[in-house]
Amino acid sequence: MFYFSAMKHFLNLTLLSCLFFSFSCNTAKEELPPADLIAKEQMASLLADLALTEATLNLNADESPLKQNDSTLIFNTYKQHRVSRQQYESSMSYYSKHPKEFGEIYSLVIDTLNAYKQKIQPKP
């Protein structure tokens, strides 16, 4: 249960940070999407997996041998989704400046994490 509350907390902080950032940066002209923009559905899947990776690393962080390999785990998440870190960062930058689209992505992330939760919760 702690695992999912940590994920929820992480997602809420990330979403609030990105929304704050997007409202604080007021640009005069509309930014074009990067050529390698990650599609919304793929971005949602990637963010869900990154949240799970982050939660795994934070779970028993003091004792975990995974902590030494945290960048490897995150890199493997990018690799699994066939995106580069630069592609992820440019897509995050774009979506953070488009709060409506970013909100849609995070709705998909929450749906994905809730589906994972339903799969692993014991049946009564």
N, C-alpha and C. Protein backbone atom coordinates (compact mmCIF):
# COMPACT_ATOMS: atom_id res chain seq x y z
N MET A 1 0.83 -1.19 0.00
CA MET A 1 0.00 0.00 0.00
C MET A 1 0.87 1.26 0.00
N PHE A 2 1.99 1.19 0.76
CA PHE A 2 2.92 2.31 0.77
C PHE A 2 3.43 2.61 -0.63
N TYR A 3 3.63 1.55 -1.38
CA TYR A 3 4.15 1.65 -2.74
C TYR A 3 3.28 2.57 -3.59
N PHE A 4 1.96 2.37 -3.53
CA PHE A 4 1.06 3.17 -4.37
C PHE A 4 0.86 4.56 -3.81
N SER A 5 0.92 4.73 -2.50
CA SER A 5 0.80 6.08 -1.96
C SER A 5 2.04 6.89 -2.32
N ALA A 6 3.21 6.24 -2.36
CA ALA A 6 4.43 6.93 -2.79
C ALA A 6 4.32 7.33 -4.26
N MET A 7 3.79 6.43 -5.09
CA MET A 7 3.62 6.74 -6.52
C MET A 7 2.65 7.90 -6.70
N LYS A 8 1.55 7.87 -5.95
CA LYS A 8 0.54 8.92 -6.07
C LYS A 8 1.15 10.26 -5.66
N HIS A 9 1.91 10.25 -4.57
CA HIS A 9 2.56 11.46 -4.10
C HIS A 9 3.55 11.98 -5.15
N PHE A 10 4.34 11.07 -5.73
CA PHE A 10 5.30 11.43 -6.77
C PHE A 10 4.59 12.05 -7.97
N LEU A 11 3.50 11.42 -8.41
CA LEU A 11 2.76 11.93 -9.58
C LEU A 11 2.15 13.29 -9.30
N ASN A 12 1.58 13.46 -8.10
CA ASN A 12 0.98 14.74 -7.75
C ASN A 12 2.02 15.85 -7.74
N LEU A 13 3.18 15.59 -7.15
CA LEU A 13 4.25 16.59 -7.13
C LEU A 13 4.76 16.90 -8.53
N THR A 14 4.92 15.88 -9.34
CA THR A 14 5.40 16.09 -10.70
C THR A 14 4.40 16.92 -11.50
N LEU A 15 3.13 16.56 -11.41
CA LEU A 15 2.10 17.28 -12.14
C LEU A 15 2.01 18.74 -11.69
N LEU A 16 2.02 18.96 -10.38
CA LEU A 16 1.95 20.33 -9.86
C LEU A 16 3.16 21.14 -10.28
N SER A 17 4.33 20.53 -10.23
CA SER A 17 5.55 21.22 -10.65
C SER A 17 5.49 21.62 -12.11
N CYS A 18 5.05 20.69 -12.93
CA CYS A 18 4.97 20.98 -14.36
C CYS A 18 3.92 22.03 -14.67
N LEU A 19 2.79 21.95 -13.99
CA LEU A 19 1.75 22.96 -14.22
C LEU A 19 2.22 24.34 -13.76
N PHE A 20 2.89 24.40 -12.60
CA PHE A 20 3.43 25.66 -12.12
C PHE A 20 4.42 26.22 -13.12
N PHE A 21 5.32 25.34 -13.60
CA PHE A 21 6.32 25.76 -14.58
C PHE A 21 5.65 26.27 -15.85
N SER A 22 4.63 25.59 -16.30
CA SER A 22 3.99 25.98 -17.56
C SER A 22 3.28 27.32 -17.45
N PHE A 23 2.70 27.61 -16.27
CA PHE A 23 2.01 28.88 -16.11
C PHE A 23 3.00 30.01 -15.84
N SER A 24 4.16 29.70 -15.29
CA SER A 24 5.13 30.75 -15.00
C SER A 24 5.91 31.16 -16.24
N CYS A 25 5.95 30.32 -17.25
CA CYS A 25 6.66 30.63 -18.49
C CYS A 25 5.65 31.07 -19.54
N ASN A 26 5.54 32.34 -19.74
CA ASN A 26 4.57 32.88 -20.69
C ASN A 26 5.30 33.25 -21.96
N THR A 27 5.06 32.52 -23.02
CA THR A 27 5.72 32.79 -24.29
C THR A 27 4.78 33.56 -25.21
N ALA A 28 5.38 34.43 -26.02
CA ALA A 28 4.58 35.27 -26.91
C ALA A 28 4.07 34.51 -28.12
N LYS A 29 4.86 33.55 -28.61
CA LYS A 29 4.42 32.82 -29.79
C LYS A 29 4.26 31.34 -29.46
N GLU A 30 3.45 30.69 -30.23
CA GLU A 30 3.18 29.25 -30.04
C GLU A 30 4.40 28.44 -30.44
N GLU A 31 4.80 27.56 -29.55
CA GLU A 31 5.96 26.70 -29.83
C GLU A 31 5.51 25.51 -30.67
N LEU A 32 6.28 25.22 -31.69
CA LEU A 32 6.01 24.04 -32.52
C LEU A 32 6.49 22.80 -31.78
N PRO A 33 5.77 21.69 -31.95
CA PRO A 33 6.23 20.46 -31.29
C PRO A 33 7.56 20.01 -31.87
N PRO A 34 8.41 19.40 -31.02
CA PRO A 34 9.67 18.89 -31.56
C PRO A 34 9.41 17.78 -32.58
N ALA A 35 10.33 17.60 -33.49
CA ALA A 35 10.17 16.60 -34.55
C ALA A 35 10.04 15.19 -33.97
N ASP A 36 10.69 14.96 -32.83
CA ASP A 36 10.67 13.63 -32.23
C ASP A 36 9.73 13.55 -31.01
N LEU A 37 8.68 14.36 -31.04
CA LEU A 37 7.73 14.39 -29.92
C LEU A 37 7.15 13.00 -29.66
N ILE A 38 7.15 12.60 -28.40
CA ILE A 38 6.59 11.32 -28.01
C ILE A 38 5.07 11.47 -27.99
N ALA A 39 4.36 10.56 -28.63
CA ALA A 39 2.90 10.60 -28.67
C ALA A 39 2.33 10.51 -27.26
N LYS A 40 1.15 11.09 -27.07
CA LYS A 40 0.54 11.15 -25.74
C LYS A 40 0.43 9.78 -25.07
N GLU A 41 -0.06 8.80 -25.79
CA GLU A 41 -0.26 7.47 -25.20
C GLU A 41 1.07 6.84 -24.80
N GLN A 42 2.08 6.98 -25.66
CA GLN A 42 3.39 6.43 -25.34
C GLN A 42 4.02 7.20 -24.17
N MET A 43 3.82 8.52 -24.14
CA MET A 43 4.35 9.33 -23.06
C MET A 43 3.71 8.92 -21.74
N ALA A 44 2.41 8.66 -21.75
CA ALA A 44 1.71 8.24 -20.54
C ALA A 44 2.26 6.90 -20.05
N SER A 45 2.48 5.98 -20.96
CA SER A 45 3.03 4.68 -20.61
C SER A 45 4.44 4.82 -20.04
N LEU A 46 5.25 5.66 -20.66
CA LEU A 46 6.61 5.91 -20.19
C LEU A 46 6.59 6.54 -18.80
N LEU A 47 5.74 7.55 -18.59
CA LEU A 47 5.67 8.21 -17.28
C LEU A 47 5.18 7.25 -16.19
N ALA A 48 4.24 6.37 -16.53
CA ALA A 48 3.78 5.38 -15.57
C ALA A 48 4.92 4.45 -15.19
N ASP A 49 5.67 4.00 -16.17
CA ASP A 49 6.80 3.11 -15.88
C ASP A 49 7.90 3.82 -15.11
N LEU A 50 8.14 5.09 -15.42
CA LEU A 50 9.13 5.86 -14.66
C LEU A 50 8.67 6.05 -13.21
N ALA A 51 7.38 6.26 -13.01
CA ALA A 51 6.85 6.38 -11.65
C ALA A 51 7.04 5.09 -10.87
N LEU A 52 6.78 3.97 -11.53
CA LEU A 52 6.99 2.67 -10.88
C LEU A 52 8.47 2.43 -10.58
N THR A 53 9.33 2.82 -11.50
CA THR A 53 10.77 2.68 -11.29
C THR A 53 11.21 3.54 -10.10
N GLU A 54 10.76 4.78 -10.08
CA GLU A 54 11.10 5.69 -8.99
C GLU A 54 10.58 5.17 -7.65
N ALA A 55 9.36 4.67 -7.63
CA ALA A 55 8.80 4.11 -6.40
C ALA A 55 9.59 2.90 -5.94
N THR A 56 10.00 2.07 -6.88
CA THR A 56 10.81 0.89 -6.55
C THR A 56 12.14 1.31 -5.93
N LEU A 57 12.76 2.33 -6.50
CA LEU A 57 14.04 2.81 -5.98
C LEU A 57 13.88 3.43 -4.60
N ASN A 58 12.75 4.08 -4.36
CA ASN A 58 12.53 4.73 -3.06
C ASN A 58 12.08 3.77 -1.98
N LEU A 59 11.59 2.63 -2.37
CA LEU A 59 11.15 1.63 -1.42
C LEU A 59 12.39 1.00 -0.78
N ASN A 60 12.49 1.12 0.52
CA ASN A 60 13.67 0.63 1.25
C ASN A 60 14.97 1.16 0.63
N ALA A 61 15.00 2.43 0.35
CA ALA A 61 16.13 3.04 -0.35
C ALA A 61 17.46 2.86 0.37
N ASP A 62 17.45 2.87 1.69
CA ASP A 62 18.70 2.75 2.43
C ASP A 62 19.33 1.37 2.28
N GLU A 63 18.50 0.35 2.15
CA GLU A 63 18.99 -1.02 2.10
C GLU A 63 19.10 -1.59 0.69
N SER A 64 18.54 -0.90 -0.26
CA SER A 64 18.40 -1.46 -1.61
C SER A 64 19.70 -1.48 -2.40
N PRO A 65 20.06 -2.64 -2.93
CA PRO A 65 21.20 -2.68 -3.85
C PRO A 65 20.87 -2.00 -5.18
N LEU A 66 19.56 -1.79 -5.44
CA LEU A 66 19.15 -1.13 -6.68
C LEU A 66 19.56 0.33 -6.70
N LYS A 67 19.70 0.94 -5.51
CA LYS A 67 20.01 2.35 -5.44
C LYS A 67 21.31 2.67 -6.18
N GLN A 68 22.24 1.74 -6.16
CA GLN A 68 23.51 1.96 -6.86
C GLN A 68 23.31 1.97 -8.37
N ASN A 69 22.25 1.36 -8.84
CA ASN A 69 22.02 1.24 -10.28
C ASN A 69 20.80 2.02 -10.74
N ASP A 70 20.43 3.08 -10.00
CA ASP A 70 19.20 3.79 -10.35
C ASP A 70 19.23 4.40 -11.74
N SER A 71 20.37 4.93 -12.17
CA SER A 71 20.42 5.50 -13.52
C SER A 71 20.29 4.41 -14.58
N THR A 72 20.78 3.23 -14.27
CA THR A 72 20.65 2.10 -15.20
C THR A 72 19.19 1.70 -15.34
N LEU A 73 18.47 1.65 -14.21
CA LEU A 73 17.06 1.30 -14.26
C LEU A 73 16.25 2.32 -15.05
N ILE A 74 16.55 3.59 -14.84
CA ILE A 74 15.83 4.64 -15.57
C ILE A 74 16.17 4.57 -17.06
N PHE A 75 17.46 4.39 -17.37
CA PHE A 75 17.87 4.24 -18.77
C PHE A 75 17.15 3.05 -19.41
N ASN A 76 17.05 1.95 -18.69
CA ASN A 76 16.37 0.77 -19.23
C ASN A 76 14.89 1.05 -19.49
N THR A 77 14.29 1.92 -18.69
CA THR A 77 12.90 2.30 -18.92
C THR A 77 12.79 3.06 -20.24
N TYR A 78 13.71 3.99 -20.48
CA TYR A 78 13.73 4.70 -21.77
C TYR A 78 13.92 3.70 -22.91
N LYS A 79 14.88 2.81 -22.73
CA LYS A 79 15.20 1.83 -23.77
C LYS A 79 14.00 0.93 -24.06
N GLN A 80 13.30 0.52 -23.01
CA GLN A 80 12.12 -0.33 -23.18
C GLN A 80 11.06 0.37 -24.03
N HIS A 81 10.96 1.67 -23.88
CA HIS A 81 9.98 2.45 -24.65
C HIS A 81 10.55 2.99 -25.96
N ARG A 82 11.80 2.67 -26.22
CA ARG A 82 12.48 3.08 -27.45
C ARG A 82 12.52 4.60 -27.63
N VAL A 83 12.88 5.27 -26.54
CA VAL A 83 13.07 6.72 -26.59
C VAL A 83 14.41 7.04 -25.94
N SER A 84 15.00 8.16 -26.35
CA SER A 84 16.24 8.61 -25.74
C SER A 84 15.89 9.58 -24.60
N ARG A 85 16.85 9.81 -23.75
CA ARG A 85 16.63 10.77 -22.66
C ARG A 85 16.37 12.16 -23.25
N GLN A 86 17.09 12.52 -24.31
CA GLN A 86 16.89 13.82 -24.95
C GLN A 86 15.49 13.93 -25.53
N GLN A 87 14.99 12.86 -26.13
CA GLN A 87 13.64 12.86 -26.69
C GLN A 87 12.61 13.02 -25.56
N TYR A 88 12.85 12.31 -24.46
CA TYR A 88 11.96 12.42 -23.29
C TYR A 88 11.96 13.85 -22.77
N GLU A 89 13.14 14.44 -22.62
CA GLU A 89 13.23 15.79 -22.06
C GLU A 89 12.61 16.84 -22.99
N SER A 90 12.81 16.71 -24.29
CA SER A 90 12.20 17.68 -25.21
C SER A 90 10.68 17.52 -25.24
N SER A 91 10.20 16.28 -25.13
CA SER A 91 8.75 16.06 -25.08
C SER A 91 8.16 16.60 -23.79
N MET A 92 8.87 16.37 -22.66
CA MET A 92 8.39 16.91 -21.37
C MET A 92 8.35 18.43 -21.42
N SER A 93 9.36 19.03 -22.02
CA SER A 93 9.39 20.48 -22.14
C SER A 93 8.20 20.99 -22.95
N TYR A 94 7.94 20.33 -24.06
CA TYR A 94 6.81 20.73 -24.91
C TYR A 94 5.48 20.57 -24.16
N TYR A 95 5.26 19.38 -23.59
CA TYR A 95 3.99 19.12 -22.92
C TYR A 95 3.80 20.01 -21.68
N SER A 96 4.89 20.35 -21.01
CA SER A 96 4.75 21.21 -19.83
C SER A 96 4.30 22.62 -20.20
N LYS A 97 4.51 22.99 -21.45
CA LYS A 97 4.06 24.29 -21.93
C LYS A 97 2.65 24.23 -22.52
N HIS A 98 2.07 23.03 -22.52
CA HIS A 98 0.71 22.80 -23.05
C HIS A 98 -0.08 22.03 -21.99
N PRO A 99 -0.56 22.75 -20.96
CA PRO A 99 -1.17 22.10 -19.80
C PRO A 99 -2.38 21.22 -20.12
N LYS A 100 -3.15 21.56 -21.14
CA LYS A 100 -4.31 20.73 -21.47
C LYS A 100 -3.86 19.35 -21.93
N GLU A 101 -2.88 19.32 -22.82
CA GLU A 101 -2.35 18.04 -23.30
C GLU A 101 -1.65 17.27 -22.17
N PHE A 102 -0.93 18.02 -21.34
CA PHE A 102 -0.22 17.40 -20.23
C PHE A 102 -1.21 16.79 -19.23
N GLY A 103 -2.30 17.47 -19.00
CA GLY A 103 -3.35 16.94 -18.13
C GLY A 103 -3.95 15.65 -18.68
N GLU A 104 -4.14 15.61 -20.00
CA GLU A 104 -4.65 14.39 -20.64
C GLU A 104 -3.67 13.23 -20.46
N ILE A 105 -2.39 13.54 -20.59
CA ILE A 105 -1.36 12.51 -20.41
C ILE A 105 -1.40 11.98 -18.98
N TYR A 106 -1.45 12.88 -18.01
CA TYR A 106 -1.45 12.42 -16.62
C TYR A 106 -2.72 11.69 -16.24
N SER A 107 -3.82 12.00 -16.89
CA SER A 107 -5.03 11.20 -16.67
C SER A 107 -4.80 9.76 -17.13
N LEU A 108 -4.12 9.62 -18.27
CA LEU A 108 -3.78 8.27 -18.76
C LEU A 108 -2.79 7.58 -17.82
N VAL A 109 -1.85 8.33 -17.27
CA VAL A 109 -0.88 7.76 -16.32
C VAL A 109 -1.62 7.22 -15.10
N ILE A 110 -2.52 8.01 -14.56
CA ILE A 110 -3.28 7.58 -13.38
C ILE A 110 -4.12 6.36 -13.69
N ASP A 111 -4.74 6.35 -14.87
CA ASP A 111 -5.51 5.17 -15.27
C ASP A 111 -4.62 3.93 -15.37
N THR A 112 -3.43 4.10 -15.94
CA THR A 112 -2.49 2.98 -16.09
C THR A 112 -2.06 2.46 -14.72
N LEU A 113 -1.72 3.36 -13.81
CA LEU A 113 -1.28 2.94 -12.48
C LEU A 113 -2.42 2.29 -11.70
N ASN A 114 -3.62 2.80 -11.86
CA ASN A 114 -4.78 2.16 -11.20
C ASN A 114 -5.02 0.76 -11.76
N ALA A 115 -4.81 0.58 -13.06
CA ALA A 115 -4.96 -0.76 -13.66
C ALA A 115 -3.91 -1.71 -13.10
N TYR A 116 -2.66 -1.23 -12.95
CA TYR A 116 -1.62 -2.06 -12.33
C TYR A 116 -2.02 -2.44 -10.91
N LYS A 117 -2.53 -1.47 -10.19
CA LYS A 117 -2.94 -1.69 -8.79
C LYS A 117 -4.02 -2.76 -8.71
N GLN A 118 -4.99 -2.69 -9.61
CA GLN A 118 -6.08 -3.69 -9.62
C GLN A 118 -5.54 -5.08 -9.90
N LYS A 119 -4.51 -5.19 -10.75
CA LYS A 119 -3.94 -6.48 -11.10
C LYS A 119 -3.24 -7.15 -9.92
N ILE A 120 -2.59 -6.33 -9.09
CA ILE A 120 -1.77 -6.93 -8.02
C ILE A 120 -2.47 -6.99 -6.67
N GLN A 121 -3.59 -6.28 -6.53
CA GLN A 121 -4.30 -6.33 -5.25
C GLN A 121 -4.94 -7.69 -5.07
N PRO A 122 -4.83 -8.24 -3.86
CA PRO A 122 -5.50 -9.53 -3.61
C PRO A 122 -7.01 -9.38 -3.69
N LYS A 123 -7.63 -10.39 -4.23
CA LYS A 123 -9.09 -10.42 -4.33
C LYS A 123 -9.68 -10.78 -2.98
N PRO A 124 -10.76 -10.10 -2.57
CA PRO A 124 -11.38 -10.42 -1.25
C PRO A 124 -12.09 -11.77 -1.26
